[in-house]
Protein backbone atom coordinates (compact mmCIF):
# COMPACT_ATOMS: atom_id res chain seq x y z
CA MET A 1 21.90 2.80 132.19
CA ILE A 2 19.08 4.03 129.93
CA SER A 3 19.60 3.27 126.31
CA LEU A 4 19.47 6.31 123.78
CA ALA A 5 16.70 4.83 122.12
CA LEU A 6 14.67 4.71 125.87
CA ALA A 7 15.87 8.44 126.13
CA GLY A 8 14.75 9.28 122.60
CA LYS A 9 11.09 8.04 123.48
CA THR A 10 10.67 9.34 127.31
CA LEU A 11 11.75 12.75 125.80
CA TRP A 12 9.43 12.36 122.99
CA VAL A 13 6.57 11.46 125.54
CA LEU A 14 7.46 14.89 127.95
CA PHE A 15 7.49 16.86 125.11
CA VAL A 16 4.07 15.66 123.86
CA VAL A 17 3.09 16.21 127.60
CA GLY A 18 4.45 19.91 127.58
CA TRP A 19 2.56 20.68 124.76
CA TYR A 20 -0.35 19.81 125.85
CA VAL A 21 -0.02 21.11 129.67
CA LEU A 22 0.38 24.47 127.46
CA ARG A 23 -2.52 24.00 124.96
CA TRP A 24 -4.75 22.76 127.50
CA PRO A 25 -6.07 26.03 129.02
CA PHE A 26 -6.77 27.78 125.72
CA ASP A 27 -8.28 24.92 124.36
CA ARG A 28 -10.64 25.00 127.24
CA ARG A 29 -10.74 28.76 127.31
CA ALA A 30 -11.87 28.50 122.74
CA ARG A 31 -14.78 25.80 123.31
CA LYS A 32 -16.60 28.49 125.29
CA SER A 33 -16.30 31.15 122.57
CA ARG A 34 -19.01 31.80 120.23
CA LEU A 35 -17.63 31.98 116.27
CA GLN A 36 -18.03 34.16 113.51
CA VAL A 37 -16.61 31.70 111.14
CA ASP A 38 -16.27 28.18 111.62
CA ARG A 39 -14.73 26.17 108.99
CA ARG A 40 -13.42 22.91 110.89
CA LYS A 41 -16.11 20.78 109.69
CA GLY A 42 -15.47 18.35 106.51
CA ALA A 43 -11.89 18.73 105.10
CA ASP A 44 -10.24 20.24 107.87
CA THR A 45 -11.71 17.97 110.21
CA LEU A 46 -9.76 15.19 108.06
CA ARG A 47 -6.30 17.27 107.49
CA LEU A 48 -6.42 17.53 111.69
CA ALA A 49 -7.03 13.83 111.60
CA VAL A 50 -3.91 13.14 109.36
CA SER A 51 -2.03 15.25 111.71
CA LEU A 52 -3.02 13.02 114.35
CA THR A 53 -2.56 10.61 113.84
CA GLY A 54 1.29 11.47 112.39
CA LEU A 55 2.44 13.70 115.35
CA GLY A 56 0.92 11.42 117.99
CA ILE A 57 -0.99 8.17 117.41
CA ILE A 58 1.78 6.38 114.92
CA PRO A 59 4.68 7.94 117.14
CA ALA A 60 2.90 6.29 120.73
CA ILE A 61 2.26 3.36 119.65
CA TYR A 62 6.45 3.27 118.68
CA ALA A 63 6.87 4.26 121.98
CA PHE A 64 4.58 2.35 124.03
CA SER A 65 5.51 -0.68 122.34
CA GLY A 66 7.98 -0.71 119.98
CA PHE A 67 6.38 -1.11 117.02
CA PRO A 68 7.43 -1.98 113.68
CA ALA A 69 10.65 -2.85 115.17
CA ALA A 70 11.59 -3.81 111.73
CA ALA A 71 11.56 -0.22 110.81
CA SER A 72 13.96 0.56 113.57
CA TYR A 73 17.61 1.98 113.41
CA GLN A 74 20.53 2.41 115.66
CA PRO A 75 20.04 5.39 117.78
CA SER A 76 21.96 8.91 117.99
CA PRO A 77 23.71 10.52 120.28
CA VAL A 78 23.56 13.65 118.98
CA ALA A 79 19.94 13.12 117.13
CA LEU A 80 19.27 13.20 120.52
CA VAL A 81 20.62 15.92 121.91
CA LEU A 82 19.50 17.46 118.58
CA GLY A 83 16.23 16.21 119.45
CA ALA A 84 15.76 17.11 122.85
CA ALA A 85 17.16 21.01 122.13
CA THR A 86 14.31 21.12 119.38
CA GLY A 87 11.84 20.18 121.12
CA ILE A 88 12.40 22.88 124.17
CA ALA A 89 12.72 25.48 121.01
CA ALA A 90 9.53 24.16 120.12
CA LEU A 91 7.70 24.36 123.76
CA VAL A 92 9.00 27.90 123.94
CA LEU A 93 7.61 29.22 120.72
CA PHE A 94 4.13 26.91 121.06
CA ARG A 95 4.44 29.21 124.67
CA LEU A 96 5.15 32.38 122.65
CA THR A 97 2.36 31.56 120.20
CA HIS A 98 -0.06 30.91 122.28
CA LYS A 99 0.37 33.74 124.80
CA ALA A 100 0.26 36.33 121.48
CA LEU A 101 -3.30 34.95 121.04
CA GLY A 102 -4.55 34.84 123.93
CA ARG A 103 -8.63 34.22 123.26
CA MET A 104 -8.43 34.61 119.22
CA TRP A 105 -6.87 30.87 119.81
CA SER A 106 -8.24 27.81 118.24
CA VAL A 107 -7.35 24.88 116.73
CA SER A 108 -8.99 24.83 113.55
CA LEU A 109 -9.91 27.98 110.49
CA GLN A 110 -12.20 29.37 113.04
CA LEU A 111 -12.63 33.15 114.06
CA LYS A 112 -14.02 34.18 117.34
CA GLN A 113 -16.95 37.06 117.24
CA ASP A 114 -15.21 40.56 117.54
CA HIS A 115 -12.15 38.69 116.32
CA LYS A 116 -8.86 41.02 116.16
CA LEU A 117 -5.93 40.66 113.79
CA ILE A 118 -2.76 39.18 115.89
CA THR A 119 0.37 41.33 114.85
CA THR A 120 1.63 41.78 118.19
CA GLY A 121 4.38 39.65 119.91
CA ILE A 122 5.90 36.73 117.94
CA TYR A 123 3.42 37.49 115.61
CA ARG A 124 4.94 40.52 114.51
CA TYR A 125 7.87 38.77 112.71
CA VAL A 126 5.88 35.29 111.43
CA ARG A 127 2.15 35.47 110.34
CA HIS A 128 2.21 31.28 111.13
CA PRO A 129 4.71 30.87 113.93
CA MET A 130 2.20 27.53 115.31
CA TYR A 131 3.01 26.10 112.19
CA THR A 132 7.01 27.01 113.13
CA ALA A 133 6.48 25.30 115.98
CA PHE A 134 4.56 22.23 114.91
CA TRP A 135 7.24 21.50 112.40
CA MET A 136 9.82 21.69 114.95
CA LEU A 137 7.65 19.21 116.78
CA ALA A 138 7.69 17.26 114.02
CA LEU A 139 11.99 17.53 113.57
CA THR A 140 11.96 16.62 117.03
CA GLN A 141 10.14 13.52 116.81
CA ALA A 142 12.46 12.76 113.48
CA LEU A 143 15.30 13.31 115.86
CA LEU A 144 14.04 11.34 118.60
CA LEU A 145 12.32 8.33 117.40
CA PRO A 146 14.77 6.00 115.43
CA ASN A 147 12.30 4.55 113.57
CA TYR A 148 11.57 4.91 110.06
CA ILE A 149 7.77 4.88 110.32
CA ALA A 150 7.36 6.51 113.83
CA GLY A 151 9.94 8.95 113.45
CA PHE A 152 8.84 10.44 110.14
CA ALA A 153 5.35 10.10 110.35
CA GLY A 154 5.21 13.75 112.49
CA ILE A 155 7.36 15.32 108.82
CA VAL A 156 4.33 13.43 106.63
CA GLY A 157 1.40 14.03 108.60
CA PHE A 158 1.41 17.84 109.75
CA GLY A 159 2.79 18.18 106.61
CA TYR A 160 -0.43 17.31 104.53
CA LEU A 161 -1.72 19.45 107.27
CA PHE A 162 0.18 22.66 106.70
CA PHE A 163 0.18 22.39 103.18
CA ALA A 164 -3.52 21.86 102.79
CA ARG A 165 -4.46 23.94 105.00
CA ILE A 166 -2.59 27.30 104.93
CA GLY A 167 -4.03 28.78 101.64
CA PRO A 168 -7.50 28.55 102.84
CA GLU A 169 -6.34 29.64 106.14
CA GLU A 170 -5.21 32.80 104.41
CA THR A 171 -7.65 32.98 102.70
CA MET A 172 -9.86 33.22 105.59
CA MET A 173 -8.18 36.02 107.09
CA GLN A 174 -8.08 38.06 103.80
CA GLU A 175 -11.88 37.96 103.54
CA ALA A 176 -12.00 39.37 107.06
CA PHE A 177 -9.34 41.50 107.62
CA ALA A 178 -9.08 42.86 104.29
CA ASP A 179 -6.83 45.75 103.99
CA GLU A 180 -5.08 45.72 107.39
CA TYR A 181 -4.59 41.48 106.20
CA THR A 182 -2.66 42.41 103.23
CA ARG A 183 -0.48 45.40 104.67
CA TYR A 184 -0.05 42.42 107.63
CA ARG A 185 1.00 39.92 104.71
CA ALA A 186 3.65 42.62 102.80
CA ARG A 187 5.99 43.03 106.32
CA THR A 188 5.80 39.43 107.98
CA TRP A 189 7.40 36.53 106.69
CA ARG A 190 4.78 33.07 106.24
CA VAL A 191 6.72 30.58 108.53
CA LEU A 192 10.44 30.94 109.11
CA PRO A 193 12.19 34.52 108.63
CA TYR A 194 14.17 34.83 105.86
CA ILE A 195 12.99 32.18 104.34
CA TYR A 196 9.47 31.52 104.14
């Protein structure tokens, strides 16, 4: 019988692969697009690197080697089930955000030429559902990987990106779309409906 720890690691790997499969065609298309605004260099590159370390590198080291074993704790079947549920929900939300954004999607603080403000689909309710999905993935990681360092590295890594980037991103959108973005902000939630 498969151990709970191995089941959690396996699920985590499957969710990361699922995330990559969903994102890959959009990333390929985005690399070919001409940009009107590109604020990826410098601070945003650092934010992305910290997030990748917490959501990808540290948990991958743990998943494939068990390091750091000293930070591990007893896995829970409840955490495994909750982690599977939040992981599935995160991937569904990723799909909805990518579908709504289409060619307007980018990995960083960038605006395409002829960029349009997307206010349909999931963006009708939440301005940053991609961040919501990443928070859910970070929670999934914490639930599936019973290790104080690897499990919680996603919350720390993505948390850094989120809190350091959300202000500059909204400023960029305000500058680009002016009153249209002001009206959009007034009728939507930032990340969590009815909460934030």
